[in-house]
Amino acid sequence: MIGRLNHVAIAVPDLEAAAAQYRDTLGAEVGPPQDEPDHGVRVVFITLLNTKIELLHPLGDDSPIAGFLAKNPAGGIHHICYEVADILAARERLLAQGARVLGSGEPRIGAHGKPVLFLHPKDFNGTLVELEEV
């Protein structure tokens, strides 16, 4: 059902410093910051040969990333994102297997302009999983 790894998301306390570290220290291709108000985050994508890194920073105190950074002030891996061909079919299969979809269960549009869903970390070895339709 899942396809390739789309990205690994890292919550960071300082988005500019983290982007500069990837660009200047690691020599990576760093995209511009983009606000995702529906998800409460500002993101920067780092393009790698085989996947992407998504740097996440909160847009306001009610952002889920603000809560994550309160518990992890230095930042850390927040979630991993896998590609799926049909997000609704993937959701139905996961629900039938007993997995929990976060939020309303309806796909939302993610940072790449495509439908996404998040799966409960307690159902996936403590890892928050995002599915993105491609």
Protein backbone atom coordinates (compact mmCIF):
# COMPACT_ATOMS: atom_id res chain seq x y z
CA MET A 1 0.00 0.00 0.00
CA ILE A 2 2.64 2.58 0.94
CA GLY A 3 5.01 3.80 -1.69
CA ARG A 4 8.23 5.67 -1.34
CA LEU A 5 9.30 7.78 1.61
CA ASN A 6 8.22 11.32 0.74
CA HIS A 7 9.86 13.18 3.63
CA VAL A 8 11.04 13.15 7.21
CA ALA A 9 9.73 16.13 9.20
CA ILE A 10 11.88 17.72 11.88
CA ALA A 11 10.45 20.28 14.32
CA VAL A 12 12.94 23.08 14.92
CA PRO A 13 13.01 25.96 17.43
CA ASP A 14 14.70 28.32 14.91
CA LEU A 15 13.67 27.79 11.29
CA GLU A 16 16.21 30.21 9.78
CA ALA A 17 19.11 28.69 11.71
CA ALA A 18 18.08 25.14 10.81
CA ALA A 19 17.69 26.02 7.12
CA ALA A 20 21.10 27.73 7.14
CA GLN A 21 22.69 24.67 8.75
CA TYR A 22 21.36 22.38 6.01
CA ARG A 23 22.33 24.87 3.28
CA ASP A 24 25.71 26.06 4.58
CA THR A 25 27.03 23.13 6.62
CA LEU A 26 25.57 20.19 4.70
CA GLY A 27 25.44 21.82 1.26
CA ALA A 28 21.79 20.90 0.69
CA GLU A 29 19.26 22.52 -1.62
CA VAL A 30 17.00 24.53 0.68
CA GLY A 31 13.63 25.86 -0.45
CA PRO A 32 11.96 29.06 0.73
CA PRO A 33 9.85 29.17 3.89
CA GLN A 34 6.14 28.70 3.35
CA ASP A 35 3.31 29.23 5.79
CA GLU A 36 0.73 26.48 6.15
CA PRO A 37 -1.92 28.15 8.33
CA ASP A 38 -4.35 25.21 8.06
CA HIS A 39 -1.73 23.06 9.79
CA GLY A 40 -0.35 25.78 12.09
CA VAL A 41 3.20 25.56 10.75
CA ARG A 42 5.82 27.32 8.69
CA VAL A 43 7.87 24.84 6.65
CA VAL A 44 11.08 24.70 4.67
CA PHE A 45 11.77 21.75 2.39
CA ILE A 46 15.29 20.39 1.94
CA THR A 47 15.59 18.50 -1.35
CA LEU A 48 17.73 15.36 -1.33
CA LEU A 49 18.39 12.93 -4.17
CA ASN A 50 16.02 10.28 -2.82
CA THR A 51 13.60 12.19 -0.55
CA LYS A 52 13.05 15.46 1.30
CA ILE A 53 13.49 16.82 4.80
CA GLU A 54 10.71 19.08 6.04
CA LEU A 55 11.71 21.58 8.71
CA LEU A 56 8.69 22.58 10.82
CA HIS A 57 8.24 25.65 12.99
CA PRO A 58 5.05 26.71 14.79
CA LEU A 59 2.78 29.44 13.48
CA GLY A 60 1.46 30.60 16.84
CA ASP A 61 1.09 29.15 20.31
CA ASP A 62 -1.80 26.83 19.37
CA SER A 63 0.27 25.03 16.72
CA PRO A 64 0.79 21.30 17.37
CA ILE A 65 4.49 21.98 16.74
CA ALA A 66 4.55 24.48 19.63
CA GLY A 67 3.46 21.66 21.94
CA PHE A 68 6.06 19.32 20.48
CA LEU A 69 8.82 21.91 20.97
CA ALA A 70 7.66 22.57 24.55
CA LYS A 71 8.40 18.90 25.28
CA ASN A 72 11.50 18.81 23.02
CA PRO A 73 13.07 22.30 23.19
CA ALA A 74 16.00 21.37 20.93
CA GLY A 75 13.60 20.01 18.30
CA GLY A 76 13.53 16.54 16.82
CA ILE A 77 11.91 14.21 14.35
CA HIS A 78 8.18 14.92 14.33
CA HIS A 79 6.82 12.55 11.66
CA ILE A 80 7.57 10.55 8.55
CA CYS A 81 5.54 10.77 5.35
CA TYR A 82 4.85 7.92 2.94
CA GLU A 83 3.28 8.24 -0.47
CA VAL A 84 0.07 6.41 -1.37
CA ALA A 85 -1.69 6.18 -4.74
CA ASP A 86 -5.22 6.54 -3.33
CA ILE A 87 -5.55 8.17 0.07
CA LEU A 88 -9.21 7.22 0.56
CA ALA A 89 -8.53 3.55 -0.21
CA ALA A 90 -5.52 3.67 2.12
CA ARG A 91 -7.66 5.20 4.87
CA GLU A 92 -10.34 2.52 4.52
CA ARG A 93 -7.77 -0.27 4.63
CA LEU A 94 -6.09 1.22 7.71
CA LEU A 95 -9.38 1.71 9.54
CA ALA A 96 -10.38 -1.89 8.74
CA GLN A 97 -7.07 -2.99 10.29
CA GLY A 98 -7.79 -1.00 13.47
CA ALA A 99 -5.45 1.95 12.85
CA ARG A 100 -6.57 5.37 14.02
CA VAL A 101 -6.64 8.35 11.67
CA LEU A 102 -6.15 11.65 13.47
CA GLY A 103 -8.51 14.60 13.22
CA SER A 104 -11.80 14.19 11.41
CA GLY A 105 -10.45 11.32 9.32
CA GLU A 106 -10.97 13.34 6.17
CA PRO A 107 -7.90 14.21 4.07
CA ARG A 108 -6.64 17.78 4.25
CA ILE A 109 -4.44 19.55 1.74
CA GLY A 110 -0.79 19.41 2.81
CA ALA A 111 2.25 21.56 2.09
CA HIS A 112 2.69 20.02 -1.37
CA GLY A 113 -0.90 20.84 -2.35
CA LYS A 114 -1.93 17.17 -2.15
CA PRO A 115 -4.32 15.31 0.19
CA VAL A 116 -2.77 14.09 3.45
CA LEU A 117 -3.81 12.12 6.53
CA PHE A 118 -2.01 11.52 9.82
CA LEU A 119 -2.03 8.21 11.68
CA HIS A 120 -1.88 7.86 15.45
CA PRO A 121 1.70 7.26 16.68
CA LYS A 122 0.53 4.66 19.21
CA ASP A 123 -0.52 2.47 16.28
CA PHE A 124 2.89 2.76 14.53
CA ASN A 125 5.60 2.09 17.11
CA GLY A 126 5.52 5.59 18.57
CA THR A 127 5.92 7.29 15.20
CA LEU A 128 3.49 9.85 13.80
CA VAL A 129 2.88 8.80 10.19
CA GLU A 130 1.63 11.07 7.43
CA LEU A 131 0.23 9.66 4.20
CA GLU A 132 0.29 11.83 1.09
CA GLU A 133 -1.57 10.99 -2.11
CA VAL A 134 0.61 11.20 -5.21
